[in-house]
PDB file of N, CA and C in Angstrom:
ATOM      1  N   UNK A   1     -35.848  -9.080  32.162  1.00  0.00           N
ATOM      2  CA  UNK A   1     -35.886  -7.819  31.445  1.00  0.00           C
ATOM      3  C   UNK A   1     -34.478  -7.208  31.436  1.00  0.00           C
ATOM      4  N   UNK A   2     -34.148  -6.576  30.335  1.00  0.00           N
ATOM      5  CA  UNK A   2     -32.819  -5.987  30.194  1.00  0.00           C
ATOM      6  C   UNK A   2     -32.712  -4.704  31.001  1.00  0.00           C
ATOM      7  N   UNK A   3     -31.586  -4.552  31.614  1.00  0.00           N
ATOM      8  CA  UNK A   3     -31.344  -3.320  32.364  1.00  0.00           C
ATOM      9  C   UNK A   3     -30.678  -2.301  31.445  1.00  0.00           C
ATOM     10  N   UNK A   4     -30.558  -1.092  31.937  1.00  0.00           N
ATOM     11  CA  UNK A   4     -29.935  -0.024  31.153  1.00  0.00           C
ATOM     12  C   UNK A   4     -28.479  -0.348  30.851  1.00  0.00           C
ATOM     13  N   UNK A   5     -27.800  -0.962  31.796  1.00  0.00           N
ATOM     14  CA  UNK A   5     -26.389  -1.300  31.604  1.00  0.00           C
ATOM     15  C   UNK A   5     -26.234  -2.334  30.496  1.00  0.00           C
ATOM     16  N   UNK A   6     -27.093  -3.341  30.470  1.00  0.00           N
ATOM     17  CA  UNK A   6     -27.016  -4.359  29.419  1.00  0.00           C
ATOM     18  C   UNK A   6     -27.295  -3.749  28.050  1.00  0.00           C
ATOM     19  N   UNK A   7     -28.252  -2.853  27.962  1.00  0.00           N
ATOM     20  CA  UNK A   7     -28.560  -2.180  26.699  1.00  0.00           C
ATOM     21  C   UNK A   7     -27.371  -1.329  26.276  1.00  0.00           C
ATOM     22  N   UNK A   8     -26.771  -0.611  27.225  1.00  0.00           N
ATOM     23  CA  UNK A   8     -25.609   0.224  26.923  1.00  0.00           C
ATOM     24  C   UNK A   8     -24.462  -0.620  26.379  1.00  0.00           C
ATOM     25  N   UNK A   9     -24.181  -1.768  27.012  1.00  0.00           N
ATOM     26  CA  UNK A   9     -23.097  -2.628  26.534  1.00  0.00           C
ATOM     27  C   UNK A   9     -23.430  -3.229  25.177  1.00  0.00           C
ATOM     28  N   UNK A  10     -24.679  -3.502  24.910  1.00  0.00           N
ATOM     29  CA  UNK A  10     -25.091  -3.998  23.590  1.00  0.00           C
ATOM     30  C   UNK A  10     -24.847  -2.958  22.512  1.00  0.00           C
ATOM     31  N   UNK A  11     -25.221  -1.722  22.793  1.00  0.00           N
ATOM     32  CA  UNK A  11     -24.982  -0.644  21.833  1.00  0.00           C
ATOM     33  C   UNK A  11     -23.485  -0.386  21.668  1.00  0.00           C
ATOM     34  N   UNK A  12     -22.745  -0.428  22.774  1.00  0.00           N
ATOM     35  CA  UNK A  12     -21.306  -0.197  22.719  1.00  0.00           C
ATOM     36  C   UNK A  12     -20.613  -1.286  21.904  1.00  0.00           C
ATOM     37  N   UNK A  13     -21.052  -2.531  22.053  1.00  0.00           N
ATOM     38  CA  UNK A  13     -20.418  -3.616  21.296  1.00  0.00           C
ATOM     39  C   UNK A  13     -20.698  -3.481  19.807  1.00  0.00           C
ATOM     40  N   UNK A  14     -21.906  -3.081  19.436  1.00  0.00           N
ATOM     41  CA  UNK A  14     -22.226  -2.875  18.020  1.00  0.00           C
ATOM     42  C   UNK A  14     -21.417  -1.718  17.447  1.00  0.00           C
ATOM     43  N   UNK A  15     -21.284  -0.648  18.206  1.00  0.00           N
ATOM     44  CA  UNK A  15     -20.499   0.500  17.753  1.00  0.00           C
ATOM     45  C   UNK A  15     -19.038   0.118  17.603  1.00  0.00           C
ATOM     46  N   UNK A  16     -18.513  -0.612  18.558  1.00  0.00           N
ATOM     47  CA  UNK A  16     -17.125  -1.050  18.499  1.00  0.00           C
ATOM     48  C   UNK A  16     -16.893  -1.978  17.309  1.00  0.00           C
ATOM     49  N   UNK A  17     -17.800  -2.886  17.068  1.00  0.00           N
ATOM     50  CA  UNK A  17     -17.674  -3.807  15.937  1.00  0.00           C
ATOM     51  C   UNK A  17     -17.673  -3.051  14.606  1.00  0.00           C
ATOM     52  N   UNK A  18     -18.561  -2.080  14.477  1.00  0.00           N
ATOM     53  CA  UNK A  18     -18.605  -1.276  13.250  1.00  0.00           C
ATOM     54  C   UNK A  18     -17.306  -0.495  13.071  1.00  0.00           C
ATOM     55  N   UNK A  19     -16.800   0.070  14.138  1.00  0.00           N
ATOM     56  CA  UNK A  19     -15.542   0.812  14.068  1.00  0.00           C
ATOM     57  C   UNK A  19     -14.374  -0.076  13.662  1.00  0.00           C
ATOM     58  N   UNK A  20     -14.331  -1.279  14.200  1.00  0.00           N
ATOM     59  CA  UNK A  20     -13.262  -2.222  13.860  1.00  0.00           C
ATOM     60  C   UNK A  20     -13.348  -2.612  12.394  1.00  0.00           C
ATOM     61  N   UNK A  21     -14.541  -2.838  11.880  1.00  0.00           N
ATOM     62  CA  UNK A  21     -14.697  -3.193  10.466  1.00  0.00           C
ATOM     63  C   UNK A  21     -14.238  -2.051   9.556  1.00  0.00           C
ATOM     64  N   UNK A  22     -14.636  -0.833   9.896  1.00  0.00           N
ATOM     65  CA  UNK A  22     -14.223   0.324   9.098  1.00  0.00           C
ATOM     66  C   UNK A  22     -12.716   0.492   9.148  1.00  0.00           C
ATOM     67  N   UNK A  23     -12.136   0.381  10.326  1.00  0.00           N
ATOM     68  CA  UNK A  23     -10.690   0.533  10.488  1.00  0.00           C
ATOM     69  C   UNK A  23      -9.942  -0.548   9.707  1.00  0.00           C
ATOM     70  N   UNK A  24     -10.412  -1.787   9.791  1.00  0.00           N
ATOM     71  CA  UNK A  24      -9.717  -2.870   9.084  1.00  0.00           C
ATOM     72  C   UNK A  24      -9.800  -2.687   7.569  1.00  0.00           C
ATOM     73  N   UNK A  25     -10.917  -2.186   7.075  1.00  0.00           N
ATOM     74  CA  UNK A  25     -11.020  -1.917   5.640  1.00  0.00           C
ATOM     75  C   UNK A  25     -10.051  -0.818   5.224  1.00  0.00           C
ATOM     76  N   UNK A  26      -9.913   0.209   6.046  1.00  0.00           N
ATOM     77  CA  UNK A  26      -8.981   1.289   5.730  1.00  0.00           C
ATOM     78  C   UNK A  26      -7.534   0.791   5.761  1.00  0.00           C
ATOM     79  N   UNK A  27      -7.206  -0.045   6.737  1.00  0.00           N
ATOM     80  CA  UNK A  27      -5.853  -0.591   6.819  1.00  0.00           C
ATOM     81  C   UNK A  27      -5.559  -1.440   5.590  1.00  0.00           C
ATOM     82  N   UNK A  28      -6.516  -2.266   5.180  1.00  0.00           N
ATOM     83  CA  UNK A  28      -6.335  -3.085   3.981  1.00  0.00           C
ATOM     84  C   UNK A  28      -6.154  -2.208   2.753  1.00  0.00           C
ATOM     85  N   UNK A  29      -6.907  -1.127   2.675  1.00  0.00           N
ATOM     86  CA  UNK A  29      -6.812  -0.213   1.535  1.00  0.00           C
ATOM     87  C   UNK A  29      -5.440   0.456   1.497  1.00  0.00           C
ATOM     88  N   UNK A  30      -4.965   0.930   2.627  1.00  0.00           N
ATOM     89  CA  UNK A  30      -3.650   1.573   2.691  1.00  0.00           C
ATOM     90  C   UNK A  30      -2.566   0.564   2.341  1.00  0.00           C
ATOM     91  N   UNK A  31      -2.705  -0.659   2.817  1.00  0.00           N
ATOM     92  CA  UNK A  31      -1.731  -1.707   2.530  1.00  0.00           C
ATOM     93  C   UNK A  31      -1.660  -1.978   1.031  1.00  0.00           C
ATOM     94  N   UNK A  32      -2.792  -2.133   0.382  1.00  0.00           N
ATOM     95  CA  UNK A  32      -2.779  -2.424  -1.056  1.00  0.00           C
ATOM     96  C   UNK A  32      -2.262  -1.233  -1.857  1.00  0.00           C
ATOM     97  N   UNK A  33      -2.601  -0.016  -1.463  1.00  0.00           N
ATOM     98  CA  UNK A  33      -2.091   1.166  -2.160  1.00  0.00           C
ATOM     99  C   UNK A  33      -0.581   1.285  -1.982  1.00  0.00           C
ATOM    100  N   UNK A  34      -0.084   0.967  -0.795  1.00  0.00           N
ATOM    101  CA  UNK A  34       1.364   1.032  -0.553  1.00  0.00           C
ATOM    102  C   UNK A  34       2.106   0.039  -1.438  1.00  0.00           C
ATOM    103  N   UNK A  35       1.535  -1.158  -1.615  1.00  0.00           N
ATOM    104  CA  UNK A  35       2.184  -2.131  -2.482  1.00  0.00           C
ATOM    105  C   UNK A  35       2.117  -1.724  -3.945  1.00  0.00           C
ATOM    106  N   UNK A  36       1.048  -1.044  -4.351  1.00  0.00           N
ATOM    107  CA  UNK A  36       0.977  -0.534  -5.723  1.00  0.00           C
ATOM    108  C   UNK A  36       2.077   0.505  -5.953  1.00  0.00           C
ATOM    109  N   UNK A  37       2.244   1.410  -5.004  1.00  0.00           N
ATOM    110  CA  UNK A  37       3.285   2.435  -5.122  1.00  0.00           C
ATOM    111  C   UNK A  37       4.661   1.779  -5.128  1.00  0.00           C
ATOM    112  N   UNK A  38       4.860   0.806  -4.252  1.00  0.00           N
ATOM    113  CA  UNK A  38       6.138   0.103  -4.182  1.00  0.00           C
ATOM    114  C   UNK A  38       6.433  -0.603  -5.500  1.00  0.00           C
ATOM    115  N   UNK A  39       5.426  -1.227  -6.099  1.00  0.00           N
ATOM    116  CA  UNK A  39       5.612  -1.881  -7.386  1.00  0.00           C
ATOM    117  C   UNK A  39       5.962  -0.891  -8.479  1.00  0.00           C
ATOM    118  N   UNK A  40       5.318   0.267  -8.469  1.00  0.00           N
ATOM    119  CA  UNK A  40       5.623   1.304  -9.448  1.00  0.00           C
ATOM    120  C   UNK A  40       7.032   1.833  -9.281  1.00  0.00           C
ATOM    121  N   UNK A  41       7.451   2.018  -8.042  1.00  0.00           N
ATOM    122  CA  UNK A  41       8.811   2.499  -7.786  1.00  0.00           C
ATOM    123  C   UNK A  41       9.838   1.461  -8.230  1.00  0.00           C
ATOM    124  N   UNK A  42       9.519   0.191  -7.998  1.00  0.00           N
ATOM    125  CA  UNK A  42      10.421  -0.882  -8.380  1.00  0.00           C
ATOM    126  C   UNK A  42      10.571  -0.926  -9.903  1.00  0.00           C
ATOM    127  N   UNK A  43       9.443  -0.816 -10.619  1.00  0.00           N
ATOM    128  CA  UNK A  43       9.498  -0.813 -12.085  1.00  0.00           C
ATOM    129  C   UNK A  43      10.268   0.397 -12.606  1.00  0.00           C
ATOM    130  N   UNK A  44      10.039   1.547 -12.015  1.00  0.00           N
ATOM    131  CA  UNK A  44      10.734   2.756 -12.445  1.00  0.00           C
ATOM    132  C   UNK A  44      12.229   2.637 -12.172  1.00  0.00           C
ATOM    133  N   UNK A  45      12.599   2.036 -11.069  1.00  0.00           N
ATOM    134  CA  UNK A  45      14.000   1.831 -10.747  1.00  0.00           C
ATOM    135  C   UNK A  45      14.667   0.881 -11.716  1.00  0.00           C
ATOM    136  N   UNK A  46      13.959  -0.181 -12.095  1.00  0.00           N
ATOM    137  CA  UNK A  46      14.518  -1.123 -13.058  1.00  0.00           C
ATOM    138  C   UNK A  46      14.676  -0.473 -14.425  1.00  0.00           C
ATOM    139  N   UNK A  47      13.700   0.321 -14.827  1.00  0.00           N
ATOM    140  CA  UNK A  47      13.790   1.008 -16.110  1.00  0.00           C
ATOM    141  C   UNK A  47      14.945   2.006 -16.100  1.00  0.00           C
ATOM    142  N   UNK A  48      15.151   2.680 -14.984  1.00  0.00           N
ATOM    143  CA  UNK A  48      16.253   3.629 -14.882  1.00  0.00           C
ATOM    144  C   UNK A  48      17.590   2.899 -14.959  1.00  0.00           C
ATOM    145  N   UNK A  49      17.690   1.746 -14.305  1.00  0.00           N
ATOM    146  CA  UNK A  49      18.923   0.968 -14.364  1.00  0.00           C
ATOM    147  C   UNK A  49      19.185   0.477 -15.784  1.00  0.00           C
ATOM    148  N   UNK A  50      18.132   0.003 -16.464  1.00  0.00           N
ATOM    149  CA  UNK A  50      18.281  -0.466 -17.837  1.00  0.00           C
ATOM    150  C   UNK A  50      18.690   0.689 -18.745  1.00  0.00           C
ATOM    151  N   UNK A  51      18.090   1.851 -18.527  1.00  0.00           N
ATOM    152  CA  UNK A  51      18.449   3.019 -19.319  1.00  0.00           C
ATOM    153  C   UNK A  51      19.890   3.423 -19.081  1.00  0.00           C
ATOM    154  N   UNK A  52      20.322   3.355 -17.846  1.00  0.00           N
ATOM    155  CA  UNK A  52      21.698   3.706 -17.497  1.00  0.00           C
ATOM    156  C   UNK A  52      22.658   2.708 -18.139  1.00  0.00           C
ATOM    157  N   UNK A  53      22.342   1.432 -18.077  1.00  0.00           N
ATOM    158  CA  UNK A  53      23.196   0.415 -18.677  1.00  0.00           C
ATOM    159  C   UNK A  53      23.248   0.571 -20.186  1.00  0.00           C
ATOM    160  N   UNK A  54      22.136   0.866 -20.819  1.00  0.00           N
ATOM    161  CA  UNK A  54      22.099   1.080 -22.256  1.00  0.00           C
ATOM    162  C   UNK A  54      22.933   2.299 -22.628  1.00  0.00           C
ATOM    163  N   UNK A  55      22.808   3.367 -21.864  1.00  0.00           N
ATOM    164  CA  UNK A  55      23.596   4.585 -22.106  1.00  0.00           C
ATOM    165  C   UNK A  55      25.079   4.285 -21.962  1.00  0.00           C
ATOM    166  N   UNK A  56      25.447   3.551 -20.923  1.00  0.00           N
ATOM    167  CA  UNK A  56      26.848   3.200 -20.704  1.00  0.00           C
ATOM    168  C   UNK A  56      27.373   2.340 -21.851  1.00  0.00           C
ATOM    169  N   UNK A  57      26.568   1.394 -22.283  1.00  0.00           N
ATOM    170  CA  UNK A  57      26.957   0.526 -23.385  1.00  0.00           C
ATOM    171  C   UNK A  57      27.146   1.330 -24.667  1.00  0.00           C
ATOM    172  N   UNK A  58      26.209   2.209 -24.971  1.00  0.00           N
ATOM    173  CA  UNK A  58      26.325   3.032 -26.177  1.00  0.00           C
ATOM    174  C   UNK A  58      27.511   3.981 -26.091  1.00  0.00           C
ATOM    175  N   UNK A  59      27.759   4.538 -24.946  1.00  0.00           N
ATOM    176  CA  UNK A  59      28.886   5.456 -24.771  1.00  0.00           C
ATOM    177  C   UNK A  59      30.213   4.734 -24.989  1.00  0.00           C
ATOM    178  N   UNK A  60      30.331   3.567 -24.428  1.00  0.00           N
ATOM    179  CA  UNK A  60      31.588   2.819 -24.592  1.00  0.00           C
ATOM    180  C   UNK A  60      31.746   2.336 -26.024  1.00  0.00           C
ATOM    181  N   UNK A  61      30.681   2.018 -26.721  1.00  0.00           N
ATOM    182  CA  UNK A  61      30.739   1.592 -28.103  1.00  0.00           C
ATOM    183  C   UNK A  61      31.124   2.760 -29.003  1.00  0.00           C
ATOM    184  N   UNK A  62      30.613   3.935 -28.714  1.00  0.00           N
ATOM    185  CA  UNK A  62      30.886   5.102 -29.534  1.00  0.00           C
ATOM    186  C   UNK A  62      32.344   5.530 -29.427  1.00  0.00           C
ATOM    187  N   UNK A  63      33.036   5.205 -28.369  1.00  0.00           N
ATOM    188  CA  UNK A  63      34.442   5.566 -28.211  1.00  0.00           C
ATOM    189  C   UNK A  63      35.323   4.809 -29.200  1.00  0.00           C
ATOM    190  N   UNK A  64      34.913   3.611 -29.572  1.00  0.00           N
ATOM    191  CA  UNK A  64      35.721   2.814 -30.473  1.00  0.00           C
ATOM    192  C   UNK A  64      35.481   3.150 -31.941  1.00  0.00           C
ATOM    193  N   UNK A  65      34.449   3.904 -32.222  1.00  0.00           N
ATOM    194  CA  UNK A  65      34.125   4.237 -33.609  1.00  0.00           C
ATOM    195  C   UNK A  65      34.890   5.464 -34.064  1.00  0.00           C
TER     196      UNK A  65
END
């Protein structure tokens, strides 16, 4: 027959397992969201660089006209 201590450890292990699953899902979610933000920042940075280069090119071309 199970003692109170064995029942307590059984409940504690189930609670701990559920907590670990929830925590791991949250960590995965934060990780994927961080990479989405990083990708957006990278694209915005590239667009800004391209815009700057285009502006510089047009400015230098306009000086010769």
